[in-house]
Amino acid sequence: MTDASKLPSSSASGPTGTRLVLPDFARAIALIGMAIFHFTFDLQNFAFIAPGTIFTPGWEIFGRAVAGSFVLLAGVSLVLAHSKGLRTRPFLTRLAKLVAAAALVSIATYLMMPSVFIYYGILHSIAVSSVIGALLLRLPWAALAALGVAVLWVHLDYASPAFNHPALWWLGLSTQWRPSIDFEPVLPWLAPFLWGMAVAKLAARQGWLARAPRYRIGTPGRAMRVALFAGRHTLPIYLIHQPVLFGATWIAYQLLG
């Protein structure tokens, strides 16, 4: 698995230099969920818990929910960052960071676990979805929501062996693909991204964003500052947290093994 968002940057900053509380706080909560899932994977990997734990139904649902929340929040963030039209330079800068981070994840997991390395994970998916989302940025919320439903429907009804070539696995229409510890192809994972865009557009249309709580960086209480800091810097935290957890679990294994 895994997010994520700051999987693409949520420029929730307002004209007065404030930021929306909810997107940053939601990403921080998603990060906690991701850390729990990855730590469970590490515990399983070093035999501290039963083999196959993360593949049980409850953990699989949890993992998909966490990944889905990151993708949805990435869609929300795209609309917030470009609510007055696509800002090309910031968009391309953020996209370049995502592509570089995705490549780093692929290389690192290939060196460590070549049989199940991440060749198209959450960062790859968000990068591609961001490009698609940028092309659809002018669509109204209802059209984006409907497209998300259509994406899910195509994924469920139109998978075919014709898409089983390795070059097509990333589309999500194959019936067979190479195993990976995190595989989130365009279909169906574009769906929550589009729904996130739709949520942000609907919130703006209804005036909810204008009334939503905002904060200035450094002003909330200490615990909230930590959470909101994590929400603003999700991408670097995403890249760092698993090596730290894996290393800590490995050390515990060496000491207790």
C-alpha atoms as a PDB file:
ATOM      1  CA  MET A   1       0.000   0.000   0.000  1.00  0.00           C
ATOM      2  CA  THR A   2       0.871   3.237   0.476  1.00  0.00           C
ATOM      3  CA  ASP A   3      -0.581   7.626   0.316  1.00  0.00           C
ATOM      4  CA  ALA A   4       0.546   9.836   0.665  1.00  0.00           C
ATOM      5  CA  SER A   5      -0.864  13.958  -0.029  1.00  0.00           C
ATOM      6  CA  LYS A   6       1.475  16.179   1.020  1.00  0.00           C
ATOM      7  CA  LEU A   7       0.285  14.134  -1.843  1.00  0.00           C
ATOM      8  CA  PRO A   8      -0.342  16.905  -4.147  1.00  0.00           C
ATOM      9  CA  SER A   9      -0.010  20.098  -2.269  1.00  0.00           C
ATOM     10  CA  SER A  10      -3.170  21.463  -0.830  1.00  0.00           C
ATOM     11  CA  SER A  11      -2.725  25.104  -1.078  1.00  0.00           C
ATOM     12  CA  ALA A  12      -5.502  25.825   1.291  1.00  0.00           C
ATOM     13  CA  SER A  13      -4.000  29.203   2.002  1.00  0.00           C
ATOM     14  CA  GLY A  14      -6.316  32.140   1.949  1.00  0.00           C
ATOM     15  CA  PRO A  15      -5.634  35.750   0.984  1.00  0.00           C
ATOM     16  CA  THR A  16      -4.740  36.560   4.591  1.00  0.00           C
ATOM     17  CA  GLY A  17      -2.078  33.831   4.800  1.00  0.00           C
ATOM     18  CA  THR A  18      -4.301  31.366   6.627  1.00  0.00           C
ATOM     19  CA  ARG A  19      -4.974  27.733   5.801  1.00  0.00           C
ATOM     20  CA  LEU A  20      -8.059  25.572   6.026  1.00  0.00           C
ATOM     21  CA  VAL A  21      -7.933  23.352   9.119  1.00  0.00           C
ATOM     22  CA  LEU A  22      -9.864  20.353   7.809  1.00  0.00           C
ATOM     23  CA  PRO A  23      -7.714  19.290   4.796  1.00  0.00           C
ATOM     24  CA  ASP A  24      -4.461  19.468   6.786  1.00  0.00           C
ATOM     25  CA  PHE A  25      -5.976  17.711   9.793  1.00  0.00           C
ATOM     26  CA  ALA A  26      -7.558  15.008   7.583  1.00  0.00           C
ATOM     27  CA  ARG A  27      -4.196  14.284   5.944  1.00  0.00           C
ATOM     28  CA  ALA A  28      -2.582  13.980   9.373  1.00  0.00           C
ATOM     29  CA  ILE A  29      -5.210  11.405  10.397  1.00  0.00           C
ATOM     30  CA  ALA A  30      -4.631   9.529   7.124  1.00  0.00           C
ATOM     31  CA  LEU A  31      -0.892   9.506   7.863  1.00  0.00           C
ATOM     32  CA  ILE A  32      -1.547   7.880  11.231  1.00  0.00           C
ATOM     33  CA  GLY A  33      -3.624   5.210   9.516  1.00  0.00           C
ATOM     34  CA  MET A  34      -0.874   4.599   6.983  1.00  0.00           C
ATOM     35  CA  ALA A  35       1.769   4.330   9.693  1.00  0.00           C
ATOM     36  CA  ILE A  36      -0.381   1.780  11.545  1.00  0.00           C
ATOM     37  CA  PHE A  37      -0.787  -0.308   8.394  1.00  0.00           C
ATOM     38  CA  HIS A  38       2.915  -0.167   7.486  1.00  0.00           C
ATOM     39  CA  PHE A  39       3.988  -0.951  11.056  1.00  0.00           C
ATOM     40  CA  THR A  40       1.688  -3.983  11.016  1.00  0.00           C
ATOM     41  CA  PHE A  41       3.336  -5.061   7.747  1.00  0.00           C
ATOM     42  CA  ASP A  42       6.761  -4.726   9.368  1.00  0.00           C
ATOM     43  CA  LEU A  43       5.679  -6.725  12.421  1.00  0.00           C
ATOM     44  CA  GLN A  44       4.407  -9.444  10.101  1.00  0.00           C
ATOM     45  CA  ASN A  45       7.588  -9.319   8.010  1.00  0.00           C
ATOM     46  CA  PHE A  46       9.743  -9.966  11.094  1.00  0.00           C
ATOM     47  CA  ALA A  47       7.381 -12.645  12.483  1.00  0.00           C
ATOM     48  CA  PHE A  48       6.218 -10.655  15.504  1.00  0.00           C
ATOM     49  CA  ILE A  49       2.635 -11.386  14.434  1.00  0.00           C
ATOM     50  CA  ALA A  50       1.022 -14.169  12.402  1.00  0.00           C
ATOM     51  CA  PRO A  51       1.911 -14.485   8.697  1.00  0.00           C
ATOM     52  CA  GLY A  52      -0.714 -13.046   6.378  1.00  0.00           C
ATOM     53  CA  THR A  53      -2.186 -10.734   9.005  1.00  0.00           C
ATOM     54  CA  ILE A  54      -2.417  -7.745   6.668  1.00  0.00           C
ATOM     55  CA  PHE A  55      -4.176  -9.884   4.062  1.00  0.00           C
ATOM     56  CA  THR A  56      -7.079 -10.716   6.362  1.00  0.00           C
ATOM     57  CA  PRO A  57     -10.366  -9.006   5.365  1.00  0.00           C
ATOM     58  CA  GLY A  58     -10.319  -6.435   8.159  1.00  0.00           C
ATOM     59  CA  TRP A  59      -6.780  -5.278   7.473  1.00  0.00           C
ATOM     60  CA  GLU A  60      -7.324  -5.241   3.702  1.00  0.00           C
ATOM     61  CA  ILE A  61     -10.373  -3.010   4.149  1.00  0.00           C
ATOM     62  CA  PHE A  62      -8.416  -0.757   6.491  1.00  0.00           C
ATOM     63  CA  GLY A  63      -5.521  -0.490   4.036  1.00  0.00           C
ATOM     64  CA  ARG A  64      -7.796   0.353   1.108  1.00  0.00           C
ATOM     65  CA  ALA A  65      -9.660   2.917   3.197  1.00  0.00           C
ATOM     66  CA  VAL A  66      -6.414   4.644   4.152  1.00  0.00           C
ATOM     67  CA  ALA A  67      -5.149   4.655   0.561  1.00  0.00           C
ATOM     68  CA  GLY A  68      -8.526   5.847  -0.700  1.00  0.00           C
ATOM     69  CA  SER A  69      -8.542   8.712   1.796  1.00  0.00           C
ATOM     70  CA  PHE A  70      -5.145   9.894   0.569  1.00  0.00           C
ATOM     71  CA  VAL A  71      -6.255   9.773  -3.074  1.00  0.00           C
ATOM     72  CA  LEU A  72      -9.534  11.563  -2.285  1.00  0.00           C
ATOM     73  CA  LEU A  73      -7.686  14.269  -0.343  1.00  0.00           C
ATOM     74  CA  ALA A  74      -5.304  14.676  -3.279  1.00  0.00           C
ATOM     75  CA  GLY A  75      -8.307  15.472  -5.458  1.00  0.00           C
ATOM     76  CA  VAL A  76      -9.566  17.967  -2.880  1.00  0.00           C
ATOM     77  CA  SER A  77      -6.119  19.556  -2.739  1.00  0.00           C
ATOM     78  CA  LEU A  78      -5.898  19.969  -6.509  1.00  0.00           C
ATOM     79  CA  VAL A  79      -9.091  22.030  -6.556  1.00  0.00           C
ATOM     80  CA  LEU A  80      -8.071  24.095  -3.516  1.00  0.00           C
ATOM     81  CA  ALA A  81      -4.662  24.852  -5.017  1.00  0.00           C
ATOM     82  CA  HIS A  82      -6.064  25.847  -8.409  1.00  0.00           C
ATOM     83  CA  SER A  83      -9.506  27.188  -7.597  1.00  0.00           C
ATOM     84  CA  LYS A  84      -9.000  30.221  -9.863  1.00  0.00           C
ATOM     85  CA  GLY A  85      -7.556  28.234 -12.736  1.00  0.00           C
ATOM     86  CA  LEU A  86      -4.518  26.012 -13.208  1.00  0.00           C
ATOM     87  CA  ARG A  87      -1.319  27.653 -11.964  1.00  0.00           C
ATOM     88  CA  THR A  88       1.082  25.941 -14.326  1.00  0.00           C
ATOM     89  CA  ARG A  89       4.400  26.432 -12.551  1.00  0.00           C
ATOM     90  CA  PRO A  90       3.277  25.310  -9.057  1.00  0.00           C
ATOM     91  CA  PHE A  91       1.420  22.384 -10.612  1.00  0.00           C
ATOM     92  CA  LEU A  92       4.441  21.203 -12.617  1.00  0.00           C
ATOM     93  CA  THR A  93       6.742  21.697  -9.623  1.00  0.00           C
ATOM     94  CA  ARG A  94       4.497  19.558  -7.439  1.00  0.00           C
ATOM     95  CA  LEU A  95       4.101  16.973 -10.190  1.00  0.00           C
ATOM     96  CA  ALA A  96       7.880  16.720 -10.582  1.00  0.00           C
ATOM     97  CA  LYS A  97       8.230  16.097  -6.833  1.00  0.00           C
ATOM     98  CA  LEU A  98       5.584  13.379  -6.977  1.00  0.00           C
ATOM     99  CA  VAL A  99       7.219  11.679  -9.968  1.00  0.00           C
ATOM    100  CA  ALA A 100      10.641  11.818  -8.297  1.00  0.00           C
ATOM    101  CA  ALA A 101       9.203  10.416  -5.047  1.00  0.00           C
ATOM    102  CA  ALA A 102       7.400   7.641  -6.929  1.00  0.00           C
ATOM    103  CA  ALA A 103      10.622   6.711  -8.721  1.00  0.00           C
ATOM    104  CA  LEU A 104      12.496   6.668  -5.408  1.00  0.00           C
ATOM    105  CA  VAL A 105       9.901   4.314  -3.903  1.00  0.00           C
ATOM    106  CA  SER A 106      10.129   1.996  -6.929  1.00  0.00           C
ATOM    107  CA  ILE A 107      13.923   1.875  -6.797  1.00  0.00           C
ATOM    108  CA  ALA A 108      14.080   1.372  -3.019  1.00  0.00           C
ATOM    109  CA  THR A 109      11.487  -1.407  -2.969  1.00  0.00           C
ATOM    110  CA  TYR A 110      13.113  -3.109  -5.970  1.00  0.00           C
ATOM    111  CA  LEU A 111      16.442  -3.216  -4.140  1.00  0.00           C
ATOM    112  CA  MET A 112      14.829  -4.565  -0.963  1.00  0.00           C
ATOM    113  CA  MET A 113      11.998  -6.755  -2.300  1.00  0.00           C
ATOM    114  CA  PRO A 114      12.451  -7.287  -6.063  1.00  0.00           C
ATOM    115  CA  SER A 115       9.711  -9.940  -6.302  1.00  0.00           C
ATOM    116  CA  VAL A 116       7.002  -7.577  -5.000  1.00  0.00           C
ATOM    117  CA  PHE A 117       8.475  -4.119  -5.594  1.00  0.00           C
ATOM    118  CA  ILE A 118       6.190  -1.116  -6.083  1.00  0.00           C
ATOM    119  CA  TYR A 119       6.021  -0.403  -9.803  1.00  0.00           C
ATOM    120  CA  TYR A 120       2.741   1.522  -9.657  1.00  0.00           C
ATOM    121  CA  GLY A 121       1.771   2.526  -6.147  1.00  0.00           C
ATOM    122  CA  ILE A 122      -0.087   5.383  -4.535  1.00  0.00           C
ATOM    123  CA  LEU A 123       2.388   8.096  -5.544  1.00  0.00           C
ATOM    124  CA  HIS A 124       2.408   6.916  -9.155  1.00  0.00           C
ATOM    125  CA  SER A 125      -1.381   6.837  -9.105  1.00  0.00           C
ATOM    126  CA  ILE A 126      -1.724  10.322  -7.639  1.00  0.00           C
ATOM    127  CA  ALA A 127       0.771  11.754 -10.130  1.00  0.00           C
ATOM    128  CA  VAL A 128      -1.181  10.386 -13.111  1.00  0.00           C
ATOM    129  CA  SER A 129      -4.527  11.300 -11.543  1.00  0.00           C
ATOM    130  CA  SER A 130      -3.251  14.837 -11.001  1.00  0.00           C
ATOM    131  CA  VAL A 131      -2.548  15.222 -14.718  1.00  0.00           C
ATOM    132  CA  ILE A 132      -5.992  13.880 -15.583  1.00  0.00           C
ATOM    133  CA  GLY A 133      -7.578  16.063 -12.889  1.00  0.00           C
ATOM    134  CA  ALA A 134      -5.822  19.170 -14.237  1.00  0.00           C
ATOM    135  CA  LEU A 135      -7.376  18.505 -17.641  1.00  0.00           C
ATOM    136  CA  LEU A 136     -10.813  18.213 -16.015  1.00  0.00           C
ATOM    137  CA  LEU A 137     -10.423  21.143 -13.632  1.00  0.00           C
ATOM    138  CA  ARG A 138     -13.133  23.250 -15.268  1.00  0.00           C
ATOM    139  CA  LEU A 139     -15.829  20.564 -14.976  1.00  0.00           C
ATOM    140  CA  PRO A 140     -18.622  21.119 -12.410  1.00  0.00           C
ATOM    141  CA  TRP A 141     -18.798  18.958  -9.314  1.00  0.00           C
ATOM    142  CA  ALA A 142     -21.674  16.795 -10.580  1.00  0.00           C
ATOM    143  CA  ALA A 143     -19.794  15.882 -13.766  1.00  0.00           C
ATOM    144  CA  LEU A 144     -16.681  14.962 -11.767  1.00  0.00           C
ATOM    145  CA  ALA A 145     -18.726  12.808  -9.383  1.00  0.00           C
ATOM    146  CA  ALA A 146     -20.391  11.054 -12.317  1.00  0.00           C
ATOM    147  CA  LEU A 147     -17.034  10.448 -13.995  1.00  0.00           C
ATOM    148  CA  GLY A 148     -15.805   8.843 -10.781  1.00  0.00           C
ATOM    149  CA  VAL A 149     -18.742   6.440 -10.855  1.00  0.00           C
ATOM    150  CA  ALA A 150     -18.029   5.703 -14.534  1.00  0.00           C
ATOM    151  CA  VAL A 151     -14.373   4.959 -13.741  1.00  0.00           C
ATOM    152  CA  LEU A 152     -15.409   2.443 -11.082  1.00  0.00           C
ATOM    153  CA  TRP A 153     -17.965   0.854 -13.411  1.00  0.00           C
ATOM    154  CA  VAL A 154     -15.429   0.444 -16.238  1.00  0.00           C
ATOM    155  CA  HIS A 155     -12.965  -1.145 -13.834  1.00  0.00           C
ATOM    156  CA  LEU A 156     -15.537  -3.635 -12.555  1.00  0.00           C
ATOM    157  CA  ASP A 157     -17.138  -4.541 -15.887  1.00  0.00           C
ATOM    158  CA  TYR A 158     -14.466  -4.214 -18.560  1.00  0.00           C
ATOM    159  CA  ALA A 159     -11.347  -5.971 -17.253  1.00  0.00           C
ATOM    160  CA  SER A 160     -10.025  -8.218 -19.993  1.00  0.00           C
ATOM    161  CA  PRO A 161      -7.063 -10.506 -20.779  1.00  0.00           C
ATOM    162  CA  ALA A 162      -6.420  -8.141 -23.696  1.00  0.00           C
ATOM    163  CA  PHE A 163      -4.875  -5.786 -21.099  1.00  0.00           C
ATOM    164  CA  ASN A 164      -2.582  -8.404 -19.527  1.00  0.00           C
ATOM    165  CA  HIS A 165       0.574  -7.132 -21.217  1.00  0.00           C
ATOM    166  CA  PRO A 166       2.945  -5.659 -18.574  1.00  0.00           C
ATOM    167  CA  ALA A 167       2.907  -2.296 -20.348  1.00  0.00           C
ATOM    168  CA  LEU A 168      -0.855  -2.061 -19.662  1.00  0.00           C
ATOM    169  CA  TRP A 169      -1.018  -3.195 -16.028  1.00  0.00           C
ATOM    170  CA  TRP A 170      -1.034   0.418 -14.792  1.00  0.00           C
ATOM    171  CA  LEU A 171      -4.419   1.018 -16.446  1.00  0.00           C
ATOM    172  CA  GLY A 172      -6.185  -1.367 -14.053  1.00  0.00           C
ATOM    173  CA  LEU A 173      -8.072  -3.379 -16.682  1.00  0.00           C
ATOM    174  CA  SER A 174      -5.859  -6.468 -16.613  1.00  0.00           C
ATOM    175  CA  THR A 175      -7.005  -9.811 -15.245  1.00  0.00           C
ATOM    176  CA  GLN A 176      -3.435 -10.789 -14.270  1.00  0.00           C
ATOM    177  CA  TRP A 177      -0.525  -8.635 -13.150  1.00  0.00           C
ATOM    178  CA  ARG A 178       2.762  -8.863 -11.314  1.00  0.00           C
ATOM    179  CA  PRO A 179       2.378  -9.023  -7.512  1.00  0.00           C
ATOM    180  CA  SER A 180       3.312  -5.845  -5.662  1.00  0.00           C
ATOM    181  CA  ILE A 181       3.133  -4.693  -2.049  1.00  0.00           C
ATOM    182  CA  ASP A 182       1.311  -1.575  -3.289  1.00  0.00           C
ATOM    183  CA  PHE A 183      -0.544  -1.658  -6.602  1.00  0.00           C
ATOM    184  CA  GLU A 184      -3.039   1.140  -7.241  1.00  0.00           C
ATOM    185  CA  PRO A 185      -3.669   1.448 -10.988  1.00  0.00           C
ATOM    186  CA  VAL A 186      -5.514   4.270 -12.730  1.00  0.00           C
ATOM    187  CA  LEU A 187      -8.741   2.276 -12.628  1.00  0.00           C
ATOM    188  CA  PRO A 188     -10.306   2.262 -10.056  1.00  0.00           C
ATOM    189  CA  TRP A 189      -8.103   4.696  -8.070  1.00  0.00           C
ATOM    190  CA  LEU A 190      -8.887   7.646 -10.314  1.00  0.00           C
ATOM    191  CA  ALA A 191     -12.459   7.420  -8.945  1.00  0.00           C
ATOM    192  CA  PRO A 192     -11.746   8.684  -5.390  1.00  0.00           C
ATOM    193  CA  PHE A 193      -9.500  11.390  -6.845  1.00  0.00           C
ATOM    194  CA  LEU A 194     -12.384  12.675  -8.982  1.00  0.00           C
ATOM    195  CA  TRP A 195     -14.755  12.409  -6.024  1.00  0.00           C
ATOM    196  CA  GLY A 196     -12.327  14.487  -3.976  1.00  0.00           C
ATOM    197  CA  MET A 197     -12.357  17.141  -6.691  1.00  0.00           C
ATOM    198  CA  ALA A 198     -16.162  17.001  -6.704  1.00  0.00           C
ATOM    199  CA  VAL A 199     -16.328  17.418  -2.909  1.00  0.00           C
ATOM    200  CA  ALA A 200     -14.093  20.492  -3.030  1.00  0.00           C
ATOM    201  CA  LYS A 201     -16.073  22.036  -5.901  1.00  0.00           C
ATOM    202  CA  LEU A 202     -19.390  21.386  -4.152  1.00  0.00           C
ATOM    203  CA  ALA A 203     -18.048  22.842  -0.899  1.00  0.00           C
ATOM    204  CA  ALA A 204     -16.938  25.975  -2.722  1.00  0.00           C
ATOM    205  CA  ARG A 205     -20.265  26.249  -4.572  1.00  0.00           C
ATOM    206  CA  GLN A 206     -22.255  25.983  -1.337  1.00  0.00           C
ATOM    207  CA  GLY A 207     -20.059  28.511   0.428  1.00  0.00           C
ATOM    208  CA  TRP A 208     -18.778  25.977   2.944  1.00  0.00           C
ATOM    209  CA  LEU A 209     -15.128  26.793   2.237  1.00  0.00           C
ATOM    210  CA  ALA A 210     -15.681  30.473   2.935  1.00  0.00           C
ATOM    211  CA  ARG A 211     -17.104  29.600   6.354  1.00  0.00           C
ATOM    212  CA  ALA A 212     -14.694  26.763   7.178  1.00  0.00           C
ATOM    213  CA  PRO A 213     -12.236  27.181  10.093  1.00  0.00           C
ATOM    214  CA  ARG A 214      -8.794  28.510   9.178  1.00  0.00           C
ATOM    215  CA  TYR A 215      -5.545  28.901  11.072  1.00  0.00           C
ATOM    216  CA  ARG A 216      -2.258  30.737  10.843  1.00  0.00           C
ATOM    217  CA  ILE A 217       0.835  28.541  10.903  1.00  0.00           C
ATOM    218  CA  GLY A 218       2.160  28.374  14.461  1.00  0.00           C
ATOM    219  CA  THR A 219      -0.982  29.632  16.187  1.00  0.00           C
ATOM    220  CA  PRO A 220      -2.895  26.476  17.322  1.00  0.00           C
ATOM    221  CA  GLY A 221      -2.040  24.540  20.495  1.00  0.00           C
ATOM    222  CA  ARG A 222       1.018  22.273  20.505  1.00  0.00           C
ATOM    223  CA  ALA A 223      -0.780  19.004  19.690  1.00  0.00           C
ATOM    224  CA  MET A 224      -2.761  20.646  16.902  1.00  0.00           C
ATOM    225  CA  ARG A 225       0.396  22.301  15.545  1.00  0.00           C
ATOM    226  CA  VAL A 226       2.041  18.887  15.242  1.00  0.00           C
ATOM    227  CA  ALA A 227      -0.989  17.453  13.449  1.00  0.00           C
ATOM    228  CA  LEU A 228      -1.321  20.381  11.069  1.00  0.00           C
ATOM    229  CA  PHE A 229       2.428  20.381  10.391  1.00  0.00           C
ATOM    230  CA  ALA A 230       2.132  16.727   9.365  1.00  0.00           C
ATOM    231  CA  GLY A 231      -0.830  17.598   7.177  1.00  0.00           C
ATOM    232  CA  ARG A 232       1.179  20.303   5.403  1.00  0.00           C
ATOM    233  CA  HIS A 233       4.197  18.049   4.830  1.00  0.00           C
ATOM    234  CA  THR A 234       2.669  14.686   4.055  1.00  0.00           C
ATOM    235  CA  LEU A 235       4.913  13.755   1.130  1.00  0.00           C
ATOM    236  CA  PRO A 236       8.284  13.910   2.952  1.00  0.00           C
ATOM    237  CA  ILE A 237       6.750  12.251   6.012  1.00  0.00           C
ATOM    238  CA  TYR A 238       5.370   9.522   3.760  1.00  0.00           C
ATOM    239  CA  LEU A 239       8.820   8.898   2.312  1.00  0.00           C
ATOM    240  CA  ILE A 240      10.542   8.864   5.711  1.00  0.00           C
ATOM    241  CA  HIS A 241       8.127   7.047   7.991  1.00  0.00           C
ATOM    242  CA  GLN A 242       8.401   3.521   6.585  1.00  0.00           C
ATOM    243  CA  PRO A 243      12.234   3.351   6.617  1.00  0.00           C
ATOM    244  CA  VAL A 244      12.103   4.547  10.240  1.00  0.00           C
ATOM    245  CA  LEU A 245       9.455   1.984  11.235  1.00  0.00           C
ATOM    246  CA  PHE A 246      11.195  -0.799   9.303  1.00  0.00           C
ATOM    247  CA  GLY A 247      14.531   0.066  10.888  1.00  0.00           C
ATOM    248  CA  ALA A 248      13.071   0.139  14.382  1.00  0.00           C
ATOM    249  CA  THR A 249      11.365  -3.214  13.856  1.00  0.00           C
ATOM    250  CA  TRP A 250      14.584  -4.709  12.481  1.00  0.00           C
ATOM    251  CA  ILE A 251      16.515  -3.511  15.545  1.00  0.00           C
ATOM    252  CA  ALA A 252      13.876  -5.041  17.839  1.00  0.00           C
ATOM    253  CA  TYR A 253      14.149  -8.292  15.884  1.00  0.00           C
ATOM    254  CA  GLN A 254      17.936  -8.334  16.266  1.00  0.00           C
ATOM    255  CA  LEU A 255      17.707  -7.653  20.002  1.00  0.00           C
ATOM    256  CA  LEU A 256      14.935 -10.117  20.728  1.00  0.00           C
ATOM    257  CA  GLY A 257      15.621 -12.758  18.071  1.00  0.00           C
END
